PDB file of N, CA and C in Angstrom:
ATOM      1  N   MET A   1     254.879 146.542 322.902  1.00  0.00           N
ATOM      2  CA  MET A   1     254.315 147.957 323.563  1.00  0.00           C
ATOM      3  C   MET A   1     252.947 147.788 322.762  1.00  0.00           C
ATOM      4  N   ALA A   2     252.184 148.304 323.915  1.00  0.00           N
ATOM      5  CA  ALA A   2     250.848 148.578 323.376  1.00  0.00           C
ATOM      6  C   ALA A   2     250.416 150.122 323.598  1.00  0.00           C
ATOM      7  N   LYS A   3     249.397 150.663 323.025  1.00  0.00           N
ATOM      8  CA  LYS A   3     248.945 151.925 323.140  1.00  0.00           C
ATOM      9  C   LYS A   3     248.701 152.471 324.662  1.00  0.00           C
ATOM     10  N   THR A   4     248.531 151.276 325.384  1.00  0.00           N
ATOM     11  CA  THR A   4     248.673 151.764 326.937  1.00  0.00           C
ATOM     12  C   THR A   4     249.752 151.734 327.352  1.00  0.00           C
ATOM     13  N   ASP A   5     250.900 152.061 326.865  1.00  0.00           N
ATOM     14  CA  ASP A   5     252.160 152.166 327.647  1.00  0.00           C
ATOM     15  C   ASP A   5     252.372 153.488 327.263  1.00  0.00           C
ATOM     16  N   LEU A   6     251.696 154.069 326.695  1.00  0.00           N
ATOM     17  CA  LEU A   6     252.374 155.627 326.388  1.00  0.00           C
ATOM     18  C   LEU A   6     251.660 156.137 327.758  1.00  0.00           C
ATOM     19  N   ASN A   7     252.740 157.160 328.227  1.00  0.00           N
ATOM     20  CA  ASN A   7     252.177 158.170 329.290  1.00  0.00           C
ATOM     21  C   ASN A   7     251.069 159.179 328.655  1.00  0.00           C
ATOM     22  N   GLU A   8     250.028 159.383 329.633  1.00  0.00           N
ATOM     23  CA  GLU A   8     248.804 160.111 329.182  1.00  0.00           C
ATOM     24  C   GLU A   8     249.062 161.284 328.463  1.00  0.00           C
ATOM     25  N   THR A   9     250.145 162.006 328.631  1.00  0.00           N
ATOM     26  CA  THR A   9     250.024 163.634 328.219  1.00  0.00           C
ATOM     27  C   THR A   9     250.807 163.329 326.876  1.00  0.00           C
ATOM     28  N   LEU A  10     251.596 162.335 326.442  1.00  0.00           N
ATOM     29  CA  LEU A  10     252.203 162.445 325.009  1.00  0.00           C
ATOM     30  C   LEU A  10     251.028 161.556 324.286  1.00  0.00           C
ATOM     31  N   ARG A  11     250.148 160.435 324.826  1.00  0.00           N
ATOM     32  CA  ARG A  11     248.834 159.927 324.130  1.00  0.00           C
ATOM     33  C   ARG A  11     247.849 161.271 323.848  1.00  0.00           C
ATOM     34  N   ALA A  12     247.713 162.291 324.759  1.00  0.00           N
ATOM     35  CA  ALA A  12     246.654 163.300 324.324  1.00  0.00           C
ATOM     36  C   ALA A  12     247.257 163.896 323.346  1.00  0.00           C
ATOM     37  N   ARG A  13     248.640 164.360 323.207  1.00  0.00           N
ATOM     38  CA  ARG A  13     249.202 165.105 322.282  1.00  0.00           C
ATOM     39  C   ARG A  13     248.865 164.566 320.981  1.00  0.00           C
ATOM     40  N   ILE A  14     249.276 163.271 321.022  1.00  0.00           N
ATOM     41  CA  ILE A  14     249.356 162.585 319.508  1.00  0.00           C
ATOM     42  C   ILE A  14     247.939 162.396 319.156  1.00  0.00           C
ATOM     43  N   ASP A  15     246.965 162.460 320.015  1.00  0.00           N
ATOM     44  CA  ASP A  15     245.696 162.121 319.307  1.00  0.00           C
ATOM     45  C   ASP A  15     244.896 163.532 319.185  1.00  0.00           C
ATOM     46  N   ALA A  16     245.577 164.508 319.811  1.00  0.00           N
ATOM     47  CA  ALA A  16     245.180 166.007 319.431  1.00  0.00           C
ATOM     48  C   ALA A  16     245.543 166.139 317.659  1.00  0.00           C
ATOM     49  N   ILE A  17     246.838 165.695 317.752  1.00  0.00           N
ATOM     50  CA  ILE A  17     247.577 165.572 316.277  1.00  0.00           C
ATOM     51  C   ILE A  17     246.748 165.092 315.370  1.00  0.00           C
ATOM     52  N   VAL A  18     246.658 163.786 315.566  1.00  0.00           N
ATOM     53  CA  VAL A  18     245.760 162.801 314.921  1.00  0.00           C
ATOM     54  C   VAL A  18     244.318 163.356 314.195  1.00  0.00           C
ATOM     55  N   SER A  19     244.193 163.971 315.121  1.00  0.00           N
ATOM     56  CA  SER A  19     242.432 164.691 314.937  1.00  0.00           C
ATOM     57  C   SER A  19     242.329 165.802 314.446  1.00  0.00           C
ATOM     58  N   SER A  20     243.967 166.601 314.061  1.00  0.00           N
ATOM     59  CA  SER A  20     243.629 167.825 314.040  1.00  0.00           C
ATOM     60  C   SER A  20     242.973 167.962 312.576  1.00  0.00           C
ATOM     61  N   LYS A  21     242.935 167.140 311.718  1.00  0.00           N
ATOM     62  CA  LYS A  21     243.085 167.578 310.075  1.00  0.00           C
ATOM     63  C   LYS A  21     242.432 165.885 309.857  1.00  0.00           C
ATOM     64  N   ASP A  22     241.637 165.550 308.601  1.00  0.00           N
ATOM     65  CA  ASP A  22     241.281 164.304 308.146  1.00  0.00           C
ATOM     66  C   ASP A  22     242.616 163.458 307.869  1.00  0.00           C
ATOM     67  N   THR A  23     243.444 164.227 307.103  1.00  0.00           N
ATOM     68  CA  THR A  23     244.600 163.554 306.632  1.00  0.00           C
ATOM     69  C   THR A  23     246.082 163.920 307.576  1.00  0.00           C
ATOM     70  N   VAL A  24     246.626 163.048 308.072  1.00  0.00           N
ATOM     71  CA  VAL A  24     247.840 163.653 308.903  1.00  0.00           C
ATOM     72  C   VAL A  24     248.951 162.529 308.472  1.00  0.00           C
ATOM     73  N   LEU A  25     250.019 163.266 307.882  1.00  0.00           N
ATOM     74  CA  LEU A  25     251.702 162.625 307.513  1.00  0.00           C
ATOM     75  C   LEU A  25     252.403 162.935 308.753  1.00  0.00           C
ATOM     76  N   PHE A  26     252.688 161.889 309.318  1.00  0.00           N
ATOM     77  CA  PHE A  26     253.813 161.952 310.384  1.00  0.00           C
ATOM     78  C   PHE A  26     255.078 161.375 309.221  1.00  0.00           C
ATOM     79  N   MET A  27     256.101 162.380 309.284  1.00  0.00           N
ATOM     80  CA  MET A  27     256.928 161.961 308.404  1.00  0.00           C
ATOM     81  C   MET A  27     258.370 162.530 308.703  1.00  0.00           C
ATOM     82  N   LYS A  28     259.480 162.133 307.985  1.00  0.00           N
ATOM     83  CA  LYS A  28     260.615 162.763 308.201  1.00  0.00           C
ATOM     84  C   LYS A  28     261.218 163.907 307.225  1.00  0.00           C
ATOM     85  N   GLY A  29     260.999 165.322 307.835  1.00  0.00           N
ATOM     86  CA  GLY A  29     261.091 166.172 307.296  1.00  0.00           C
ATOM     87  C   GLY A  29     259.440 167.132 307.317  1.00  0.00           C
ATOM     88  N   GLN A  30     259.473 168.157 305.940  1.00  0.00           N
ATOM     89  CA  GLN A  30     258.001 168.420 306.009  1.00  0.00           C
ATOM     90  C   GLN A  30     257.930 168.419 304.667  1.00  0.00           C
ATOM     91  N   LYS A  31     256.358 168.307 304.230  1.00  0.00           N
ATOM     92  CA  LYS A  31     255.844 168.276 302.928  1.00  0.00           C
ATOM     93  C   LYS A  31     256.743 169.019 301.918  1.00  0.00           C
ATOM     94  N   LEU A  32     257.497 170.258 302.193  1.00  0.00           N
ATOM     95  CA  LEU A  32     258.116 171.015 301.415  1.00  0.00           C
ATOM     96  C   LEU A  32     259.552 170.532 301.051  1.00  0.00           C
ATOM     97  N   ALA A  33     259.915 169.842 302.116  1.00  0.00           N
ATOM     98  CA  ALA A  33     261.328 169.775 302.461  1.00  0.00           C
ATOM     99  C   ALA A  33     261.485 168.121 302.970  1.00  0.00           C
ATOM    100  N   PRO A  34     261.189 167.028 302.387  1.00  0.00           N
ATOM    101  CA  PRO A  34     260.720 165.730 302.911  1.00  0.00           C
ATOM    102  C   PRO A  34     262.698 165.255 302.967  1.00  0.00           C
ATOM    103  N   GLN A  35     262.883 164.486 304.046  1.00  0.00           N
ATOM    104  CA  GLN A  35     264.346 164.353 304.491  1.00  0.00           C
ATOM    105  C   GLN A  35     264.405 162.760 304.268  1.00  0.00           C
ATOM    106  N   CYS A  36     263.388 161.884 303.660  1.00  0.00           N
ATOM    107  CA  CYS A  36     263.940 160.776 303.204  1.00  0.00           C
ATOM    108  C   CYS A  36     263.115 160.191 302.041  1.00  0.00           C
ATOM    109  N   GLY A  37     263.702 159.216 301.114  1.00  0.00           N
ATOM    110  CA  GLY A  37     262.796 158.939 299.993  1.00  0.00           C
ATOM    111  C   GLY A  37     261.393 158.472 300.153  1.00  0.00           C
ATOM    112  N   PHE A  38     261.235 157.490 301.223  1.00  0.00           N
ATOM    113  CA  PHE A  38     259.894 156.929 301.488  1.00  0.00           C
ATOM    114  C   PHE A  38     258.813 158.267 301.586  1.00  0.00           C
ATOM    115  N   SER A  39     259.072 159.031 302.362  1.00  0.00           N
ATOM    116  CA  SER A  39     258.270 160.318 303.191  1.00  0.00           C
ATOM    117  C   SER A  39     258.036 161.060 302.053  1.00  0.00           C
ATOM    118  N   ALA A  40     258.983 161.450 300.833  1.00  0.00           N
ATOM    119  CA  ALA A  40     258.997 161.935 299.844  1.00  0.00           C
ATOM    120  C   ALA A  40     257.865 161.597 298.795  1.00  0.00           C
ATOM    121  N   ARG A  41     258.016 160.367 298.696  1.00  0.00           N
ATOM    122  CA  ARG A  41     256.866 159.537 297.834  1.00  0.00           C
ATOM    123  C   ARG A  41     255.515 159.672 298.643  1.00  0.00           C
ATOM    124  N   VAL A  42     255.304 159.639 299.371  1.00  0.00           N
ATOM    125  CA  VAL A  42     254.192 159.755 300.158  1.00  0.00           C
ATOM    126  C   VAL A  42     253.235 161.110 300.078  1.00  0.00           C
ATOM    127  N   VAL A  43     254.267 162.102 299.980  1.00  0.00           N
ATOM    128  CA  VAL A  43     253.929 163.633 299.759  1.00  0.00           C
ATOM    129  C   VAL A  43     253.615 163.912 298.387  1.00  0.00           C
ATOM    130  N   GLN A  44     254.581 163.113 297.754  1.00  0.00           N
ATOM    131  CA  GLN A  44     254.356 163.225 296.105  1.00  0.00           C
ATOM    132  C   GLN A  44     252.962 162.618 295.535  1.00  0.00           C
ATOM    133  N   ILE A  45     252.569 161.249 296.419  1.00  0.00           N
ATOM    134  CA  ILE A  45     251.110 160.690 296.096  1.00  0.00           C
ATOM    135  C   ILE A  45     250.034 161.675 296.364  1.00  0.00           C
ATOM    136  N   LEU A  46     250.340 162.168 297.788  1.00  0.00           N
ATOM    137  CA  LEU A  46     249.132 162.924 298.306  1.00  0.00           C
ATOM    138  C   LEU A  46     249.002 164.099 297.393  1.00  0.00           C
ATOM    139  N   GLY A  47     249.814 164.899 297.024  1.00  0.00           N
ATOM    140  CA  GLY A  47     250.210 165.969 296.088  1.00  0.00           C
ATOM    141  C   GLY A  47     249.446 165.878 294.732  1.00  0.00           C
ATOM    142  N   SER A  48     249.577 164.658 294.408  1.00  0.00           N
ATOM    143  CA  SER A  48     249.196 164.379 292.730  1.00  0.00           C
ATOM    144  C   SER A  48     247.702 163.924 292.954  1.00  0.00           C
ATOM    145  N   LEU A  49     247.078 163.642 294.171  1.00  0.00           N
ATOM    146  CA  LEU A  49     246.024 163.310 294.390  1.00  0.00           C
ATOM    147  C   LEU A  49     244.850 164.863 294.844  1.00  0.00           C
ATOM    148  N   GLY A  50     245.783 165.717 295.014  1.00  0.00           N
ATOM    149  CA  GLY A  50     245.171 167.403 295.617  1.00  0.00           C
ATOM    150  C   GLY A  50     244.548 167.060 296.914  1.00  0.00           C
ATOM    151  N   ALA A  51     245.154 166.270 297.867  1.00  0.00           N
ATOM    152  CA  ALA A  51     245.015 165.994 298.877  1.00  0.00           C
ATOM    153  C   ALA A  51     245.643 167.195 299.957  1.00  0.00           C
ATOM    154  N   ASP A  52     244.705 167.436 300.610  1.00  0.00           N
ATOM    155  CA  ASP A  52     245.059 168.715 301.809  1.00  0.00           C
ATOM    156  C   ASP A  52     245.375 167.838 302.911  1.00  0.00           C
ATOM    157  N   PHE A  53     246.710 167.928 303.435  1.00  0.00           N
ATOM    158  CA  PHE A  53     247.075 167.153 304.778  1.00  0.00           C
ATOM    159  C   PHE A  53     248.054 168.011 305.560  1.00  0.00           C
ATOM    160  N   GLN A  54     248.107 167.512 306.878  1.00  0.00           N
ATOM    161  CA  GLN A  54     248.901 167.902 307.703  1.00  0.00           C
ATOM    162  C   GLN A  54     250.149 167.391 307.844  1.00  0.00           C
ATOM    163  N   ASP A  55     251.193 167.936 307.804  1.00  0.00           N
ATOM    164  CA  ASP A  55     252.387 167.237 307.832  1.00  0.00           C
ATOM    165  C   ASP A  55     253.128 167.576 309.406  1.00  0.00           C
ATOM    166  N   VAL A  56     253.646 166.076 309.735  1.00  0.00           N
ATOM    167  CA  VAL A  56     254.460 166.617 311.338  1.00  0.00           C
ATOM    168  C   VAL A  56     255.842 166.086 310.968  1.00  0.00           C
ATOM    169  N   ASN A  57     256.719 167.045 311.131  1.00  0.00           N
ATOM    170  CA  ASN A  57     258.308 166.051 311.286  1.00  0.00           C
ATOM    171  C   ASN A  57     258.712 165.429 312.630  1.00  0.00           C
ATOM    172  N   ILE A  58     258.671 164.420 312.303  1.00  0.00           N
ATOM    173  CA  ILE A  58     259.040 163.469 313.627  1.00  0.00           C
ATOM    174  C   ILE A  58     260.677 163.554 313.706  1.00  0.00           C
ATOM    175  N   LEU A  59     261.278 164.301 312.917  1.00  0.00           N
ATOM    176  CA  LEU A  59     262.910 164.077 313.153  1.00  0.00           C
ATOM    177  C   LEU A  59     262.937 165.551 314.055  1.00  0.00           C
ATOM    178  N   ALA A  60     261.946 166.115 314.331  1.00  0.00           N
ATOM    179  CA  ALA A  60     262.131 167.584 315.256  1.00  0.00           C
ATOM    180  C   ALA A  60     261.875 167.451 316.386  1.00  0.00           C
ATOM    181  N   ASP A  61     261.303 166.133 316.758  1.00  0.00           N
ATOM    182  CA  ASP A  61     260.775 165.495 318.358  1.00  0.00           C
ATOM    183  C   ASP A  61     260.800 164.535 318.694  1.00  0.00           C
ATOM    184  N   PRO A  62     262.162 163.849 318.859  1.00  0.00           N
ATOM    185  CA  PRO A  62     262.453 162.515 319.388  1.00  0.00           C
ATOM    186  C   PRO A  62     261.486 162.125 320.231  1.00  0.00           C
ATOM    187  N   GLU A  63     260.739 162.482 321.265  1.00  0.00           N
ATOM    188  CA  GLU A  63     259.674 162.072 322.038  1.00  0.00           C
ATOM    189  C   GLU A  63     258.361 161.508 321.113  1.00  0.00           C
ATOM    190  N   LEU A  64     257.867 162.397 320.301  1.00  0.00           N
ATOM    191  CA  LEU A  64     256.927 162.148 319.478  1.00  0.00           C
ATOM    192  C   LEU A  64     257.382 161.118 318.453  1.00  0.00           C
ATOM    193  N   ARG A  65     258.690 161.201 318.380  1.00  0.00           N
ATOM    194  CA  ARG A  65     258.812 160.060 316.937  1.00  0.00           C
ATOM    195  C   ARG A  65     258.716 158.601 317.783  1.00  0.00           C
ATOM    196  N   GLU A  66     259.228 158.685 318.864  1.00  0.00           N
ATOM    197  CA  GLU A  66     259.231 157.331 319.752  1.00  0.00           C
ATOM    198  C   GLU A  66     257.976 156.893 320.301  1.00  0.00           C
ATOM    199  N   GLY A  67     257.051 158.002 320.681  1.00  0.00           N
ATOM    200  CA  GLY A  67     255.767 157.638 320.935  1.00  0.00           C
ATOM    201  C   GLY A  67     254.900 157.239 319.617  1.00  0.00           C
ATOM    202  N   MET A  68     255.171 157.486 318.744  1.00  0.00           N
ATOM    203  CA  MET A  68     254.236 157.520 317.697  1.00  0.00           C
ATOM    204  C   MET A  68     254.324 155.733 317.292  1.00  0.00           C
ATOM    205  N   LYS A  69     255.756 155.344 317.051  1.00  0.00           N
ATOM    206  CA  LYS A  69     255.668 153.933 317.273  1.00  0.00           C
ATOM    207  C   LYS A  69     255.133 152.896 317.861  1.00  0.00           C
ATOM    208  N   VAL A  70     254.806 153.566 319.385  1.00  0.00           N
ATOM    209  CA  VAL A  70     254.078 152.613 320.524  1.00  0.00           C
ATOM    210  C   VAL A  70     252.535 153.012 319.745  1.00  0.00           C
ATOM    211  N   TYR A  71     252.291 154.350 319.730  1.00  0.00           N
ATOM    212  CA  TYR A  71     250.925 154.606 319.395  1.00  0.00           C
ATOM    213  C   TYR A  71     250.086 153.836 318.230  1.00  0.00           C
ATOM    214  N   SER A  72     250.966 153.739 317.013  1.00  0.00           N
ATOM    215  CA  SER A  72     250.512 152.977 315.989  1.00  0.00           C
ATOM    216  C   SER A  72     250.577 151.847 315.673  1.00  0.00           C
ATOM    217  N   GLU A  73     251.639 151.188 316.675  1.00  0.00           N
ATOM    218  CA  GLU A  73     251.973 149.680 316.721  1.00  0.00           C
ATOM    219  C   GLU A  73     252.802 149.387 315.170  1.00  0.00           C
ATOM    220  N   TRP A  74     253.490 150.789 314.568  1.00  0.00           N
ATOM    221  CA  TRP A  74     254.080 150.528 313.205  1.00  0.00           C
ATOM    222  C   TRP A  74     255.513 151.304 313.557  1.00  0.00           C
ATOM    223  N   PRO A  75     256.460 150.596 313.122  1.00  0.00           N
ATOM    224  CA  PRO A  75     257.791 150.983 313.670  1.00  0.00           C
ATOM    225  C   PRO A  75     258.365 152.008 312.798  1.00  0.00           C
ATOM    226  N   THR A  76     257.895 152.044 311.575  1.00  0.00           N
ATOM    227  CA  THR A  76     258.495 153.095 310.552  1.00  0.00           C
ATOM    228  C   THR A  76     257.889 154.194 310.291  1.00  0.00           C
ATOM    229  N   PHE A  77     258.328 155.112 309.413  1.00  0.00           N
ATOM    230  CA  PHE A  77     257.920 156.300 309.094  1.00  0.00           C
ATOM    231  C   PHE A  77     257.872 156.505 307.568  1.00  0.00           C
ATOM    232  N   PRO A  78     257.262 157.149 306.750  1.00  0.00           N
ATOM    233  CA  PRO A  78     256.111 157.933 307.451  1.00  0.00           C
ATOM    234  C   PRO A  78     254.888 157.135 307.753  1.00  0.00           C
ATOM    235  N   GLN A  79     254.140 157.578 308.174  1.00  0.00           N
ATOM    236  CA  GLN A  79     252.571 156.899 308.972  1.00  0.00           C
ATOM    237  C   GLN A  79     251.764 157.903 308.214  1.00  0.00           C
ATOM    238  N   LEU A  80     250.888 157.374 307.719  1.00  0.00           N
ATOM    239  CA  LEU A  80     249.466 158.357 307.036  1.00  0.00           C
ATOM    240  C   LEU A  80     248.384 157.981 308.081  1.00  0.00           C
ATOM    241  N   TYR A  81     247.705 158.778 308.300  1.00  0.00           N
ATOM    242  CA  TYR A  81     246.644 158.939 309.095  1.00  0.00           C
ATOM    243  C   TYR A  81     245.362 159.766 308.506  1.00  0.00           C
ATOM    244  N   TYR A  82     244.057 158.828 308.425  1.00  0.00           N
ATOM    245  CA  TYR A  82     243.243 159.359 307.728  1.00  0.00           C
ATOM    246  C   TYR A  82     242.071 159.280 308.756  1.00  0.00           C
ATOM    247  N   LYS A  83     241.362 160.646 308.930  1.00  0.00           N
ATOM    248  CA  LYS A  83     240.143 160.368 309.966  1.00  0.00           C
ATOM    249  C   LYS A  83     240.573 159.763 311.025  1.00  0.00           C
ATOM    250  N   GLY A  84     241.648 159.748 311.539  1.00  0.00           N
ATOM    251  CA  GLY A  84     242.100 159.220 313.000  1.00  0.00           C
ATOM    252  C   GLY A  84     242.363 157.751 313.131  1.00  0.00           C
ATOM    253  N   GLU A  85     242.514 157.276 311.813  1.00  0.00           N
ATOM    254  CA  GLU A  85     242.820 155.788 311.667  1.00  0.00           C
ATOM    255  C   GLU A  85     244.051 155.718 310.777  1.00  0.00           C
ATOM    256  N   LEU A  86     245.211 154.562 311.283  1.00  0.00           N
ATOM    257  CA  LEU A  86     246.586 154.485 310.515  1.00  0.00           C
ATOM    258  C   LEU A  86     246.289 154.119 309.070  1.00  0.00           C
ATOM    259  N   VAL A  87     246.353 154.384 308.120  1.00  0.00           N
ATOM    260  CA  VAL A  87     246.752 153.706 306.710  1.00  0.00           C
ATOM    261  C   VAL A  87     247.573 153.218 306.800  1.00  0.00           C
ATOM    262  N   GLY A  88     248.737 153.695 306.710  1.00  0.00           N
ATOM    263  CA  GLY A  88     250.107 152.762 306.609  1.00  0.00           C
ATOM    264  C   GLY A  88     251.546 153.435 306.264  1.00  0.00           C
ATOM    265  N   GLY A  89     252.432 152.777 305.547  1.00  0.00           N
ATOM    266  CA  GLY A  89     253.476 153.671 305.167  1.00  0.00           C
ATOM    267  C   GLY A  89     253.445 153.560 303.757  1.00  0.00           C
ATOM    268  N   CYS A  90     254.882 153.790 303.421  1.00  0.00           N
ATOM    269  CA  CYS A  90     255.055 154.516 302.232  1.00  0.00           C
ATOM    270  C   CYS A  90     254.669 153.051 301.177  1.00  0.00           C
ATOM    271  N   ASP A  91     254.995 151.832 301.536  1.00  0.00           N
ATOM    272  CA  ASP A  91     254.295 150.708 300.681  1.00  0.00           C
ATOM    273  C   ASP A  91     252.696 150.659 300.174  1.00  0.00           C
ATOM    274  N   ILE A  92     252.186 150.754 301.453  1.00  0.00           N
ATOM    275  CA  ILE A  92     250.662 150.741 301.764  1.00  0.00           C
ATOM    276  C   ILE A  92     250.074 151.872 300.769  1.00  0.00           C
ATOM    277  N   VAL A  93     250.801 153.024 301.088  1.00  0.00           N
ATOM    278  CA  VAL A  93     250.063 154.137 300.365  1.00  0.00           C
ATOM    279  C   VAL A  93     250.475 154.203 299.086  1.00  0.00           C
ATOM    280  N   SER A  94     251.299 153.615 298.704  1.00  0.00           N
ATOM    281  CA  SER A  94     251.916 153.648 296.980  1.00  0.00           C
ATOM    282  C   SER A  94     250.803 152.201 296.498  1.00  0.00           C
ATOM    283  N   ASP A  95     250.674 151.333 297.084  1.00  0.00           N
ATOM    284  CA  ASP A  95     249.801 150.046 296.521  1.00  0.00           C
ATOM    285  C   ASP A  95     248.401 150.565 296.760  1.00  0.00           C
ATOM    286  N   LEU A  96     247.961 151.242 297.762  1.00  0.00           N
ATOM    287  CA  LEU A  96     246.106 151.889 297.602  1.00  0.00           C
ATOM    288  C   LEU A  96     246.096 152.667 296.520  1.00  0.00           C
ATOM    289  N   ALA A  97     247.067 153.613 296.216  1.00  0.00           N
ATOM    290  CA  ALA A  97     246.999 154.853 295.049  1.00  0.00           C
ATOM    291  C   ALA A  97     246.876 154.335 293.611  1.00  0.00           C
ATOM    292  N   GLU A  98     247.948 153.223 293.830  1.00  0.00           N
ATOM    293  CA  GLU A  98     247.900 152.165 292.422  1.00  0.00           C
ATOM    294  C   GLU A  98     246.846 151.736 292.058  1.00  0.00           C
ATOM    295  N   LYS A  99     246.116 151.372 293.248  1.00  0.00           N
ATOM    296  CA  LYS A  99     244.638 150.538 292.754  1.00  0.00           C
ATOM    297  C   LYS A  99     243.290 151.231 292.769  1.00  0.00           C
ATOM    298  N   GLY A 100     243.550 152.738 293.101  1.00  0.00           N
ATOM    299  CA  GLY A 100     242.673 153.726 292.986  1.00  0.00           C
ATOM    300  C   GLY A 100     241.848 153.624 294.449  1.00  0.00           C
ATOM    301  N   GLU A 101     242.288 152.820 295.377  1.00  0.00           N
ATOM    302  CA  GLU A 101     241.567 152.610 296.506  1.00  0.00           C
ATOM    303  C   GLU A 101     241.956 153.675 297.794  1.00  0.00           C
ATOM    304  N   LEU A 102     242.829 154.505 297.193  1.00  0.00           N
ATOM    305  CA  LEU A 102     243.569 155.790 298.407  1.00  0.00           C
ATOM    306  C   LEU A 102     242.576 156.945 297.807  1.00  0.00           C
ATOM    307  N   GLN A 103     242.179 156.982 296.918  1.00  0.00           N
ATOM    308  CA  GLN A 103     241.239 157.934 296.320  1.00  0.00           C
ATOM    309  C   GLN A 103     240.031 157.940 296.726  1.00  0.00           C
ATOM    310  N   LYS A 104     239.563 156.737 296.625  1.00  0.00           N
ATOM    311  CA  LYS A 104     238.202 156.064 296.920  1.00  0.00           C
ATOM    312  C   LYS A 104     238.065 156.703 298.430  1.00  0.00           C
ATOM    313  N   MET A 105     238.804 156.288 299.297  1.00  0.00           N
ATOM    314  CA  MET A 105     238.815 156.191 300.842  1.00  0.00           C
ATOM    315  C   MET A 105     238.770 157.708 301.291  1.00  0.00           C
ATOM    316  N   MET A 106     239.666 158.376 300.305  1.00  0.00           N
ATOM    317  CA  MET A 106     239.712 159.711 300.850  1.00  0.00           C
ATOM    318  C   MET A 106     238.882 160.794 299.976  1.00  0.00           C
ATOM    319  N   GLY A 107     238.259 160.295 299.133  1.00  0.00           N
ATOM    320  CA  GLY A 107     237.084 161.090 298.573  1.00  0.00           C
ATOM    321  C   GLY A 107     237.820 162.081 297.281  1.00  0.00           C
ATOM    322  N   LEU A 108     238.747 161.593 296.928  1.00  0.00           N
ATOM    323  CA  LEU A 108     239.475 162.532 295.779  1.00  0.00           C
ATOM    324  C   LEU A 108     239.475 161.835 294.687  1.00  0.00           C
ATOM    325  N   GLY A 109     239.606 163.160 293.453  1.00  0.00           N
ATOM    326  CA  GLY A 109     239.634 162.646 292.347  1.00  0.00           C
ATOM    327  C   GLY A 109     238.494 161.909 291.456  1.00  0.00           C
ATOM    328  N   HIS A 110     237.492 162.314 291.725  1.00  0.00           N
ATOM    329  CA  HIS A 110     236.079 161.961 291.354  1.00  0.00           C
ATOM    330  C   HIS A 110     235.768 162.284 289.947  1.00  0.00           C
TER     331      HIS A 110
END
């Protein structure tokens, strides 16, 4: 499925969420109570960098959860967005953070 397969209402809603803050994490649970290990790991990484981010609990909204898979063309969660662009999931975020690339991209930890 491509982004064009999303209905306009859901696409507009996702666009609004993604653009609501520089850093948005679509995750299972909330940043204070992650509900899966991968989401918890990304929250921990962002927290250790001092990143200010919006968390979106995809478990609370099945339509959003399914829509995000189409929107991002990424089947799993968490999904980290920075300035409207998909960064990736837990493995990619972990790898970027280990290499110092996530910090550079987000302008953190100078």
